[in-house]
Protein backbone atom coordinates (compact mmCIF):
# COMPACT_ATOMS: atom_id res chain seq x y z
CA UNK A 1 -24.42 -9.25 4.79
CA UNK A 2 -24.34 -13.03 4.94
CA UNK A 3 -21.34 -14.88 6.28
CA UNK A 4 -18.69 -16.11 3.88
CA UNK A 5 -18.39 -19.83 3.24
CA UNK A 6 -15.37 -21.67 4.64
CA UNK A 7 -13.66 -21.64 1.20
CA UNK A 8 -14.34 -17.92 0.81
CA UNK A 9 -12.91 -17.30 4.29
CA UNK A 10 -9.77 -19.27 3.42
CA UNK A 11 -9.33 -17.16 0.25
CA UNK A 12 -10.00 -13.92 2.13
CA UNK A 13 -7.50 -14.83 4.85
CA UNK A 14 -4.94 -15.76 2.18
CA UNK A 15 -5.31 -12.38 0.46
CA UNK A 16 -4.96 -10.42 3.71
CA UNK A 17 -1.90 -12.39 4.78
CA UNK A 18 -0.07 -12.10 1.45
CA UNK A 19 -0.77 -8.36 1.25
CA UNK A 20 1.63 -8.23 4.20
CA UNK A 21 0.26 -5.17 5.98
CA UNK A 22 -1.57 -6.82 8.86
CA UNK A 23 -0.51 -9.03 11.73
CA UNK A 24 -2.48 -11.81 13.36
CA UNK A 25 -4.86 -9.70 15.47
CA UNK A 26 -5.76 -7.25 12.71
CA UNK A 27 -6.43 -10.09 10.25
CA UNK A 28 -8.54 -11.89 12.85
CA UNK A 29 -10.51 -8.72 13.55
CA UNK A 30 -11.20 -8.23 9.83
CA UNK A 31 -12.26 -11.86 9.31
CA UNK A 32 -14.48 -12.55 12.34
CA UNK A 33 -17.35 -10.24 11.28
CA UNK A 34 -17.51 -12.11 7.95
CA UNK A 35 -17.53 -15.58 9.49
CA UNK A 36 -20.06 -17.97 10.94
CA UNK A 37 -17.23 -20.40 11.75
CA UNK A 38 -16.09 -20.75 15.38
CA UNK A 39 -13.55 -18.12 16.41
CA UNK A 40 -11.06 -20.89 17.21
CA UNK A 41 -11.27 -22.22 13.62
CA UNK A 42 -10.65 -18.71 12.24
CA UNK A 43 -7.67 -18.21 14.54
CA UNK A 44 -6.20 -21.62 13.68
CA UNK A 45 -6.61 -20.97 9.93
CA UNK A 46 -4.93 -17.57 10.21
CA UNK A 47 -2.09 -19.11 12.25
CA UNK A 48 -1.68 -21.94 9.74
CA UNK A 49 -1.53 -19.59 6.76
CA UNK A 50 0.82 -17.17 8.55
CA UNK A 51 3.17 -20.07 9.33
CA UNK A 52 3.16 -21.09 5.65
CA UNK A 53 3.94 -17.54 4.57
CA UNK A 54 6.73 -17.20 7.15
CA UNK A 55 8.40 -20.32 5.66
CA UNK A 56 8.22 -18.77 2.18
CA UNK A 57 9.52 -15.42 3.49
CA UNK A 58 12.76 -17.11 4.56
CA UNK A 59 13.57 -17.70 0.88
CA UNK A 60 13.05 -14.07 -0.11
CA UNK A 61 15.99 -11.77 -0.83
CA UNK A 62 17.28 -9.67 2.06
CA UNK A 63 15.85 -6.57 0.39
CA UNK A 64 12.60 -7.02 -1.53
CA UNK A 65 10.89 -4.65 -3.94
CA UNK A 66 8.48 -3.80 -1.10
CA UNK A 67 11.46 -2.88 1.12
CA UNK A 68 12.80 -0.61 -1.65
CA UNK A 69 9.40 1.03 -2.02
CA UNK A 70 9.25 1.64 1.75
CA UNK A 71 12.66 3.35 1.55
CA UNK A 72 11.40 5.54 -1.30
CA UNK A 73 8.27 6.41 0.68
CA UNK A 74 10.37 7.49 3.68
CA UNK A 75 12.51 9.73 1.50
CA UNK A 76 9.44 11.23 -0.18
CA UNK A 77 7.94 12.00 3.22
CA UNK A 78 11.08 14.00 4.01
CA UNK A 79 10.43 15.90 0.77
CA UNK A 80 6.91 16.81 1.99
CA UNK A 81 5.04 14.27 -0.12
CA UNK A 82 2.42 12.27 1.75
CA UNK A 83 2.98 8.56 1.17
CA UNK A 84 0.54 5.89 2.17
CA UNK A 85 0.31 2.15 2.02
CA UNK A 86 -3.49 2.08 1.79
CA UNK A 87 -4.46 -1.60 1.64
CA UNK A 88 -7.99 -0.97 2.88
CA UNK A 89 -8.80 1.63 0.23
CA UNK A 90 -9.78 1.41 -3.40
CA UNK A 91 -7.70 3.57 -5.74
CA UNK A 92 -10.50 6.15 -5.93
CA UNK A 93 -10.26 6.69 -2.17
CA UNK A 94 -6.57 7.63 -2.18
CA UNK A 95 -7.11 11.35 -2.80
CA UNK A 96 -9.52 11.55 0.12
CA UNK A 97 -7.06 9.72 2.35
CA UNK A 98 -4.27 12.09 1.26
CA UNK A 99 -6.51 15.06 2.05
CA UNK A 100 -7.24 13.62 5.50
CA UNK A 101 -3.51 13.12 6.14
CA UNK A 102 -2.86 16.72 5.08
CA UNK A 103 -5.58 17.97 7.46
CA UNK A 104 -4.14 15.86 10.29
CA UNK A 105 -0.73 17.39 9.55
CA UNK A 106 -2.07 20.90 10.18
CA UNK A 107 -3.92 21.78 6.95
CA UNK A 108 -2.81 25.21 5.74
CA UNK A 109 0.18 25.10 8.09
CA UNK A 110 1.28 21.75 6.65
CA UNK A 111 4.34 21.79 4.39
CA UNK A 112 2.92 18.83 2.42
CA UNK A 113 2.72 19.46 -1.31
CA UNK A 114 1.52 16.20 -2.80
CA UNK A 115 0.87 12.52 -2.31
CA UNK A 116 1.92 9.11 -3.60
CA UNK A 117 -0.02 6.02 -2.57
CA UNK A 118 -1.35 2.64 -3.60
CA UNK A 119 -4.52 0.75 -2.73
CA UNK A 120 -5.74 -2.81 -2.27
CA UNK A 121 -6.58 -2.90 -5.99
CA UNK A 122 -2.94 -2.06 -6.78
CA UNK A 123 -1.68 -4.79 -4.44
CA UNK A 124 -3.81 -7.39 -6.21
CA UNK A 125 -2.49 -6.27 -9.62
CA UNK A 126 1.09 -6.42 -8.32
CA UNK A 127 0.63 -9.93 -6.94
CA UNK A 128 -0.94 -11.18 -10.16
CA UNK A 129 0.92 -9.24 -12.88
CA UNK A 130 4.19 -8.08 -11.22
CA UNK A 131 3.38 -4.41 -11.81
CA UNK A 132 2.54 -1.93 -9.05
CA UNK A 133 0.48 1.17 -9.78
CA UNK A 134 0.98 4.23 -7.60
CA UNK A 135 -1.43 7.15 -7.57
CA UNK A 136 0.08 10.62 -7.24
CA UNK A 137 -1.16 14.18 -7.16
CA UNK A 138 -0.95 17.58 -5.56
CA UNK A 139 -2.52 18.98 -2.42
CA UNK A 140 -4.46 21.79 -4.17
CA UNK A 141 -4.69 24.08 -1.15
CA UNK A 142 -1.03 23.76 -0.17
CA UNK A 143 0.54 27.24 -0.29
CA UNK A 144 3.26 26.23 -2.78
CA UNK A 145 0.71 24.52 -5.02
CA UNK A 146 -1.86 27.32 -4.87
CA UNK A 147 0.84 29.84 -5.84
CA UNK A 148 1.68 27.73 -8.90
CA UNK A 149 5.16 26.79 -7.72
CA UNK A 150 4.47 23.02 -7.58
CA UNK A 151 2.43 20.98 -10.08
CA UNK A 152 1.38 17.36 -10.41
CA UNK A 153 4.19 17.00 -12.97
CA UNK A 154 6.66 18.05 -10.26
CA UNK A 155 5.27 15.44 -7.86
CA UNK A 156 5.65 12.80 -10.59
CA UNK A 157 9.23 13.82 -11.37
CA UNK A 158 10.28 13.88 -7.71
CA UNK A 159 8.57 10.53 -7.05
CA UNK A 160 10.08 8.86 -10.11
CA UNK A 161 13.59 10.08 -9.23
CA UNK A 162 13.33 8.79 -5.65
CA UNK A 163 11.81 5.43 -6.65
CA UNK A 164 14.42 4.87 -9.35
CA UNK A 165 17.22 5.70 -6.90
CA UNK A 166 16.22 2.59 -4.91
CA UNK A 167 16.88 0.38 -7.94
CA UNK A 168 13.25 -0.03 -8.96
CA UNK A 169 12.15 0.65 -12.53
CA UNK A 170 9.34 3.21 -12.68
CA UNK A 171 7.58 5.23 -15.35
CA UNK A 172 4.63 7.55 -15.62
CA UNK A 173 1.63 5.90 -17.23
CA UNK A 174 0.10 7.72 -20.17
CA UNK A 175 -2.64 8.69 -20.76
CA UNK A 176 -3.28 7.97 -17.07
CA UNK A 177 -1.47 11.10 -16.03
CA UNK A 178 -1.68 10.53 -12.27
CA UNK A 179 -0.39 6.94 -12.23
CA UNK A 180 3.19 5.75 -11.86
CA UNK A 181 3.91 2.16 -12.82
CA UNK A 182 6.68 0.20 -11.10
CA UNK A 183 7.51 -2.80 -13.27
CA UNK A 184 8.68 -5.43 -12.78
CA UNK A 185 7.58 -5.50 -9.16
CA UNK A 186 7.56 -8.67 -7.08
CA UNK A 187 5.10 -8.33 -4.22
CA UNK A 188 6.97 -9.73 -1.20
CA UNK A 189 5.85 -7.82 1.89
CA UNK A 190 6.89 -9.40 5.14
CA UNK A 191 4.12 -9.85 7.69
CA UNK A 192 4.42 -7.73 10.84
CA UNK A 193 3.94 -9.27 14.28
CA UNK A 194 3.55 -12.85 13.13
CA UNK A 195 1.99 -15.10 15.74
CA UNK A 196 2.13 -18.84 15.15
């Protein structure tokens, strides 16, 4: 793969920073393999853009839509639904990531019954169109699911109730039966571990 141009690097850095999931080091580590620019230029550009974002973050409300979604995800985890902020995945990879999380949680011994997640594609849509898509589903080999006691409809209902309880507006997308839409949704995710 050829290196990105300076303008492409600036755009790539901008996207990673405004997604809000990665701090300085992780962004640097994701950019350097794509760059033929000096490491110092990459680090200075990341620092410059992070400083700009930090200034904008100061004007955000105390609790953003992303904060509300994080609260919903924590509550859903307590209800045995795997939740993931999956910024490095495409939407089609979310089921595989949920399966891996279920396996890491003990597979058949895991109490997990389903998943709710979003991907980098969903983040881009949210930033551009103020609508966040969440993918949901069941863990097919979970004991409760395999006995027919929990369905994908149940995961949707539980997820919608918890999301709505945070003050967000959410609905199930039809005919896309495994997508929940949160709209309006303002993507304002604060950057962890900012280094200026």
